[in-house]
Amino acid sequence: MRSMKFVVSAALALAVLLPVLGAGDRASALRPKLPPAGNCKAMAAAGQKNIWYGEYSGRYESLANDRVYPLAARGCFRSERACRRWINEVASLSQSSGLMRCTPYR
């Protein structure tokens, strides 16, 4: 009975992981999903005031092959607080951080 549970568990794990690992570049298939960020030009065109620009760079380790890859992201936000929160969320996805900055947009 115990070996049957193991076989079923292994089969389920393979059924879930094989499509992900077999789709193109395995490392990019398991790239961290970045939190959403606003489009600076669209926000400015819509008349949004006090726009904050956030920028992040760091590195993450791929679960597919244990290699380290660069991680970079940028976007605009309605407040400094929203920008800093986004920076923290992106930083939580990486193993090492480089640039982490929130500045007023233009």
N, C-alpha and C. Protein backbone atom coordinates (compact mmCIF):
# COMPACT_ATOMS: atom_id res chain seq x y z
N MET A 1 0.82 -1.19 0.00
CA MET A 1 0.00 0.00 0.00
C MET A 1 0.87 1.26 0.00
N ARG A 2 1.94 1.22 0.81
CA ARG A 2 2.83 2.37 0.90
C ARG A 2 3.55 2.61 -0.43
N SER A 3 3.99 1.54 -1.10
CA SER A 3 4.67 1.71 -2.38
C SER A 3 3.71 2.21 -3.45
N MET A 4 2.44 1.85 -3.34
CA MET A 4 1.45 2.32 -4.30
C MET A 4 1.25 3.83 -4.17
N LYS A 5 1.25 4.37 -2.94
CA LYS A 5 1.13 5.80 -2.73
C LYS A 5 2.34 6.54 -3.32
N PHE A 6 3.51 5.94 -3.17
CA PHE A 6 4.72 6.54 -3.72
C PHE A 6 4.64 6.60 -5.24
N VAL A 7 4.20 5.53 -5.87
CA VAL A 7 4.09 5.48 -7.33
C VAL A 7 3.09 6.52 -7.82
N VAL A 8 1.96 6.63 -7.15
CA VAL A 8 0.94 7.60 -7.54
C VAL A 8 1.49 9.02 -7.36
N SER A 9 2.17 9.28 -6.25
CA SER A 9 2.75 10.60 -6.01
C SER A 9 3.80 10.95 -7.06
N ALA A 10 4.66 10.00 -7.39
CA ALA A 10 5.69 10.23 -8.40
C ALA A 10 5.06 10.49 -9.77
N ALA A 11 4.02 9.75 -10.11
CA ALA A 11 3.35 9.95 -11.40
C ALA A 11 2.71 11.33 -11.48
N LEU A 12 2.09 11.76 -10.39
CA LEU A 12 1.48 13.09 -10.37
C LEU A 12 2.53 14.18 -10.49
N ALA A 13 3.64 14.00 -9.80
CA ALA A 13 4.73 14.99 -9.88
C ALA A 13 5.26 15.08 -11.31
N LEU A 14 5.46 13.96 -11.96
CA LEU A 14 5.94 13.96 -13.34
C LEU A 14 4.92 14.58 -14.29
N ALA A 15 3.66 14.31 -14.07
CA ALA A 15 2.61 14.87 -14.93
C ALA A 15 2.57 16.39 -14.83
N VAL A 16 2.88 16.92 -13.66
CA VAL A 16 2.87 18.36 -13.48
C VAL A 16 4.17 18.99 -13.99
N LEU A 17 5.31 18.36 -13.74
CA LEU A 17 6.59 18.96 -14.06
C LEU A 17 7.04 18.77 -15.51
N LEU A 18 6.70 17.68 -16.15
CA LEU A 18 7.18 17.43 -17.50
C LEU A 18 6.77 18.49 -18.51
N PRO A 19 5.53 18.93 -18.52
CA PRO A 19 5.20 19.99 -19.49
C PRO A 19 5.99 21.28 -19.25
N VAL A 20 6.24 21.59 -17.99
CA VAL A 20 6.98 22.81 -17.67
C VAL A 20 8.44 22.65 -18.05
N LEU A 21 9.05 21.54 -17.71
CA LEU A 21 10.47 21.34 -17.98
C LEU A 21 10.74 21.09 -19.45
N GLY A 22 9.79 20.56 -20.16
CA GLY A 22 10.00 20.26 -21.57
C GLY A 22 9.68 21.40 -22.50
N ALA A 23 9.13 22.48 -21.99
CA ALA A 23 8.73 23.60 -22.84
C ALA A 23 9.88 24.56 -23.05
N GLY A 24 10.56 24.46 -24.20
CA GLY A 24 11.63 25.40 -24.54
C GLY A 24 12.78 25.35 -23.55
N ASP A 25 13.28 26.51 -23.21
CA ASP A 25 14.38 26.64 -22.27
C ASP A 25 13.87 26.34 -20.85
N ARG A 26 14.43 25.33 -20.23
CA ARG A 26 13.95 24.94 -18.91
C ARG A 26 14.15 26.04 -17.89
N ALA A 27 15.23 26.79 -18.00
CA ALA A 27 15.48 27.86 -17.02
C ALA A 27 14.43 28.95 -17.14
N SER A 28 14.09 29.33 -18.35
CA SER A 28 13.10 30.39 -18.49
C SER A 28 11.71 29.90 -18.13
N ALA A 29 11.47 28.60 -18.24
CA ALA A 29 10.18 28.06 -17.86
C ALA A 29 9.94 28.20 -16.36
N LEU A 30 11.01 28.23 -15.58
CA LEU A 30 10.87 28.33 -14.13
C LEU A 30 11.31 29.70 -13.61
N ARG A 31 11.36 30.71 -14.49
CA ARG A 31 11.73 32.06 -14.09
C ARG A 31 10.68 32.59 -13.10
N PRO A 32 11.11 33.31 -12.07
CA PRO A 32 10.14 33.84 -11.10
C PRO A 32 9.14 34.77 -11.78
N LYS A 33 7.90 34.72 -11.34
CA LYS A 33 6.86 35.61 -11.86
C LYS A 33 6.95 36.94 -11.11
N LEU A 34 7.23 38.00 -11.86
CA LEU A 34 7.41 39.31 -11.26
C LEU A 34 6.06 39.94 -10.90
N PRO A 35 6.02 40.71 -9.82
CA PRO A 35 4.78 41.41 -9.46
C PRO A 35 4.47 42.48 -10.51
N PRO A 36 3.20 42.83 -10.68
CA PRO A 36 2.83 43.80 -11.71
C PRO A 36 3.36 45.20 -11.41
N ALA A 37 3.68 45.92 -12.49
CA ALA A 37 4.14 47.31 -12.38
C ALA A 37 3.48 48.10 -13.49
N GLY A 38 3.29 49.40 -13.24
CA GLY A 38 2.61 50.25 -14.22
C GLY A 38 3.51 50.69 -15.37
N ASN A 39 2.88 51.12 -16.45
CA ASN A 39 3.56 51.65 -17.62
C ASN A 39 3.72 53.16 -17.44
N CYS A 40 4.95 53.63 -17.42
CA CYS A 40 5.24 55.04 -17.13
C CYS A 40 4.61 55.97 -18.16
N LYS A 41 4.80 55.68 -19.43
CA LYS A 41 4.28 56.56 -20.48
C LYS A 41 2.75 56.61 -20.45
N ALA A 42 2.12 55.49 -20.22
CA ALA A 42 0.66 55.45 -20.18
C ALA A 42 0.13 56.24 -18.98
N MET A 43 0.81 56.12 -17.85
CA MET A 43 0.38 56.85 -16.65
C MET A 43 0.53 58.36 -16.86
N ALA A 44 1.64 58.77 -17.47
CA ALA A 44 1.87 60.19 -17.72
C ALA A 44 0.87 60.72 -18.75
N ALA A 45 0.58 59.94 -19.77
CA ALA A 45 -0.37 60.35 -20.80
C ALA A 45 -1.79 60.49 -20.24
N ALA A 46 -2.10 59.70 -19.22
CA ALA A 46 -3.43 59.75 -18.59
C ALA A 46 -3.55 60.92 -17.61
N GLY A 47 -2.46 61.68 -17.43
CA GLY A 47 -2.51 62.84 -16.54
C GLY A 47 -2.20 62.52 -15.09
N GLN A 48 -1.70 61.33 -14.82
CA GLN A 48 -1.35 60.94 -13.45
C GLN A 48 -0.25 61.85 -12.92
N LYS A 49 -0.41 62.38 -11.73
CA LYS A 49 0.59 63.23 -11.09
C LYS A 49 1.38 62.40 -10.07
N ASN A 50 2.55 62.89 -9.71
CA ASN A 50 3.40 62.24 -8.69
C ASN A 50 3.66 60.78 -9.00
N ILE A 51 4.16 60.51 -10.18
CA ILE A 51 4.50 59.14 -10.59
C ILE A 51 5.89 58.80 -10.06
N TRP A 52 6.02 57.59 -9.54
CA TRP A 52 7.31 57.10 -9.05
C TRP A 52 7.81 55.99 -9.95
N TYR A 53 9.11 56.04 -10.29
CA TYR A 53 9.75 55.06 -11.16
C TYR A 53 10.58 54.11 -10.31
N GLY A 54 10.32 52.81 -10.43
CA GLY A 54 11.06 51.81 -9.68
C GLY A 54 11.92 50.96 -10.60
N GLU A 55 13.12 50.65 -10.12
CA GLU A 55 14.08 49.87 -10.91
C GLU A 55 14.75 48.86 -9.99
N TYR A 56 14.90 47.62 -10.48
CA TYR A 56 15.50 46.57 -9.68
C TYR A 56 16.39 45.70 -10.57
N SER A 57 17.53 45.29 -10.04
CA SER A 57 18.34 44.27 -10.70
C SER A 57 18.94 43.36 -9.64
N GLY A 58 19.05 42.11 -9.98
CA GLY A 58 19.60 41.12 -9.06
C GLY A 58 19.83 39.81 -9.79
N ARG A 59 19.86 38.72 -9.05
CA ARG A 59 20.07 37.40 -9.62
C ARG A 59 19.17 36.39 -8.93
N TYR A 60 18.77 35.37 -9.68
CA TYR A 60 18.01 34.28 -9.10
C TYR A 60 18.60 32.96 -9.55
N GLU A 61 18.42 31.93 -8.73
CA GLU A 61 18.91 30.61 -9.06
C GLU A 61 17.76 29.79 -9.62
N SER A 62 17.97 29.21 -10.79
CA SER A 62 16.94 28.41 -11.44
C SER A 62 16.81 27.06 -10.74
N LEU A 63 15.58 26.63 -10.53
CA LEU A 63 15.34 25.32 -9.94
C LEU A 63 15.56 24.21 -10.96
N ALA A 64 15.56 24.56 -12.23
CA ALA A 64 15.70 23.56 -13.29
C ALA A 64 17.12 23.05 -13.42
N ASN A 65 18.11 23.94 -13.25
CA ASN A 65 19.49 23.51 -13.49
C ASN A 65 20.51 24.11 -12.52
N ASP A 66 20.07 24.71 -11.46
CA ASP A 66 20.94 25.28 -10.42
C ASP A 66 21.91 26.34 -10.94
N ARG A 67 21.58 26.98 -12.04
CA ARG A 67 22.39 28.08 -12.54
C ARG A 67 21.82 29.40 -12.05
N VAL A 68 22.68 30.40 -12.03
CA VAL A 68 22.27 31.73 -11.59
C VAL A 68 22.03 32.60 -12.83
N TYR A 69 20.88 33.27 -12.86
CA TYR A 69 20.50 34.10 -13.98
C TYR A 69 20.20 35.52 -13.51
N PRO A 70 20.38 36.51 -14.39
CA PRO A 70 20.05 37.89 -14.01
C PRO A 70 18.54 38.08 -13.92
N LEU A 71 18.16 38.97 -13.05
CA LEU A 71 16.75 39.32 -12.87
C LEU A 71 16.68 40.85 -12.85
N ALA A 72 15.94 41.42 -13.79
CA ALA A 72 15.81 42.87 -13.86
C ALA A 72 14.36 43.24 -14.12
N ALA A 73 13.91 44.33 -13.50
CA ALA A 73 12.53 44.77 -13.67
C ALA A 73 12.46 46.27 -13.43
N ARG A 74 11.43 46.89 -14.03
CA ARG A 74 11.19 48.31 -13.82
C ARG A 74 9.73 48.61 -14.07
N GLY A 75 9.27 49.72 -13.52
CA GLY A 75 7.89 50.12 -13.71
C GLY A 75 7.58 51.39 -12.97
N CYS A 76 6.36 51.88 -13.15
CA CYS A 76 5.94 53.12 -12.49
C CYS A 76 4.77 52.87 -11.55
N PHE A 77 4.66 53.76 -10.55
CA PHE A 77 3.70 53.56 -9.47
C PHE A 77 3.08 54.89 -9.07
N ARG A 78 1.95 54.83 -8.41
CA ARG A 78 1.21 56.04 -8.01
C ARG A 78 1.77 56.70 -6.77
N SER A 79 2.60 55.99 -6.01
CA SER A 79 3.16 56.57 -4.79
C SER A 79 4.53 55.97 -4.52
N GLU A 80 5.30 56.66 -3.70
CA GLU A 80 6.61 56.13 -3.30
C GLU A 80 6.44 54.83 -2.51
N ARG A 81 5.42 54.79 -1.68
CA ARG A 81 5.17 53.59 -0.88
C ARG A 81 4.89 52.38 -1.77
N ALA A 82 4.07 52.56 -2.81
CA ALA A 82 3.77 51.46 -3.73
C ALA A 82 5.03 51.01 -4.46
N CYS A 83 5.88 51.96 -4.80
CA CYS A 83 7.13 51.64 -5.48
C CYS A 83 8.05 50.82 -4.57
N ARG A 84 8.19 51.25 -3.33
CA ARG A 84 9.06 50.54 -2.39
C ARG A 84 8.52 49.14 -2.06
N ARG A 85 7.23 49.03 -1.99
CA ARG A 85 6.63 47.72 -1.75
C ARG A 85 6.94 46.77 -2.91
N TRP A 86 6.82 47.28 -4.13
CA TRP A 86 7.13 46.49 -5.32
C TRP A 86 8.60 46.05 -5.32
N ILE A 87 9.50 46.98 -4.97
CA ILE A 87 10.94 46.66 -4.88
C ILE A 87 11.15 45.50 -3.91
N ASN A 88 10.49 45.55 -2.75
CA ASN A 88 10.64 44.48 -1.76
C ASN A 88 10.10 43.16 -2.27
N GLU A 89 8.99 43.19 -3.00
CA GLU A 89 8.43 41.96 -3.55
C GLU A 89 9.36 41.34 -4.59
N VAL A 90 9.94 42.17 -5.45
CA VAL A 90 10.87 41.65 -6.46
C VAL A 90 12.13 41.12 -5.78
N ALA A 91 12.62 41.84 -4.78
CA ALA A 91 13.83 41.40 -4.07
C ALA A 91 13.62 40.06 -3.38
N SER A 92 12.40 39.78 -2.95
CA SER A 92 12.14 38.50 -2.29
C SER A 92 12.24 37.31 -3.25
N LEU A 93 12.24 37.57 -4.55
CA LEU A 93 12.35 36.50 -5.55
C LEU A 93 13.79 36.17 -5.91
N SER A 94 14.73 37.01 -5.50
CA SER A 94 16.11 36.81 -5.93
C SER A 94 17.02 36.45 -4.76
N GLN A 95 18.17 35.85 -5.11
CA GLN A 95 19.14 35.47 -4.09
C GLN A 95 20.09 36.60 -3.76
N SER A 96 20.35 37.49 -4.72
CA SER A 96 21.23 38.63 -4.46
C SER A 96 20.68 39.85 -5.19
N SER A 97 20.81 40.99 -4.54
CA SER A 97 20.29 42.22 -5.10
C SER A 97 21.42 43.11 -5.57
N GLY A 98 21.16 43.86 -6.60
CA GLY A 98 22.10 44.86 -7.08
C GLY A 98 21.47 46.23 -6.89
N LEU A 99 20.88 46.74 -7.96
CA LEU A 99 20.24 48.04 -7.94
C LEU A 99 18.81 47.93 -7.42
N MET A 100 18.46 48.77 -6.45
CA MET A 100 17.09 48.86 -5.94
C MET A 100 16.83 50.35 -5.75
N ARG A 101 15.93 50.91 -6.61
CA ARG A 101 15.78 52.36 -6.57
C ARG A 101 14.35 52.77 -6.89
N CYS A 102 13.84 53.74 -6.16
CA CYS A 102 12.58 54.41 -6.45
C CYS A 102 12.87 55.90 -6.52
N THR A 103 12.52 56.51 -7.65
CA THR A 103 12.75 57.94 -7.84
C THR A 103 11.51 58.56 -8.49
N PRO A 104 11.31 59.87 -8.29
CA PRO A 104 10.20 60.52 -8.98
C PRO A 104 10.41 60.43 -10.49
N TYR A 105 9.33 60.20 -11.22
CA TYR A 105 9.39 60.08 -12.68
C TYR A 105 9.32 61.47 -13.28
N ARG A 106 10.37 61.88 -13.96
CA ARG A 106 10.50 63.20 -14.60
C ARG A 106 10.19 64.27 -13.63
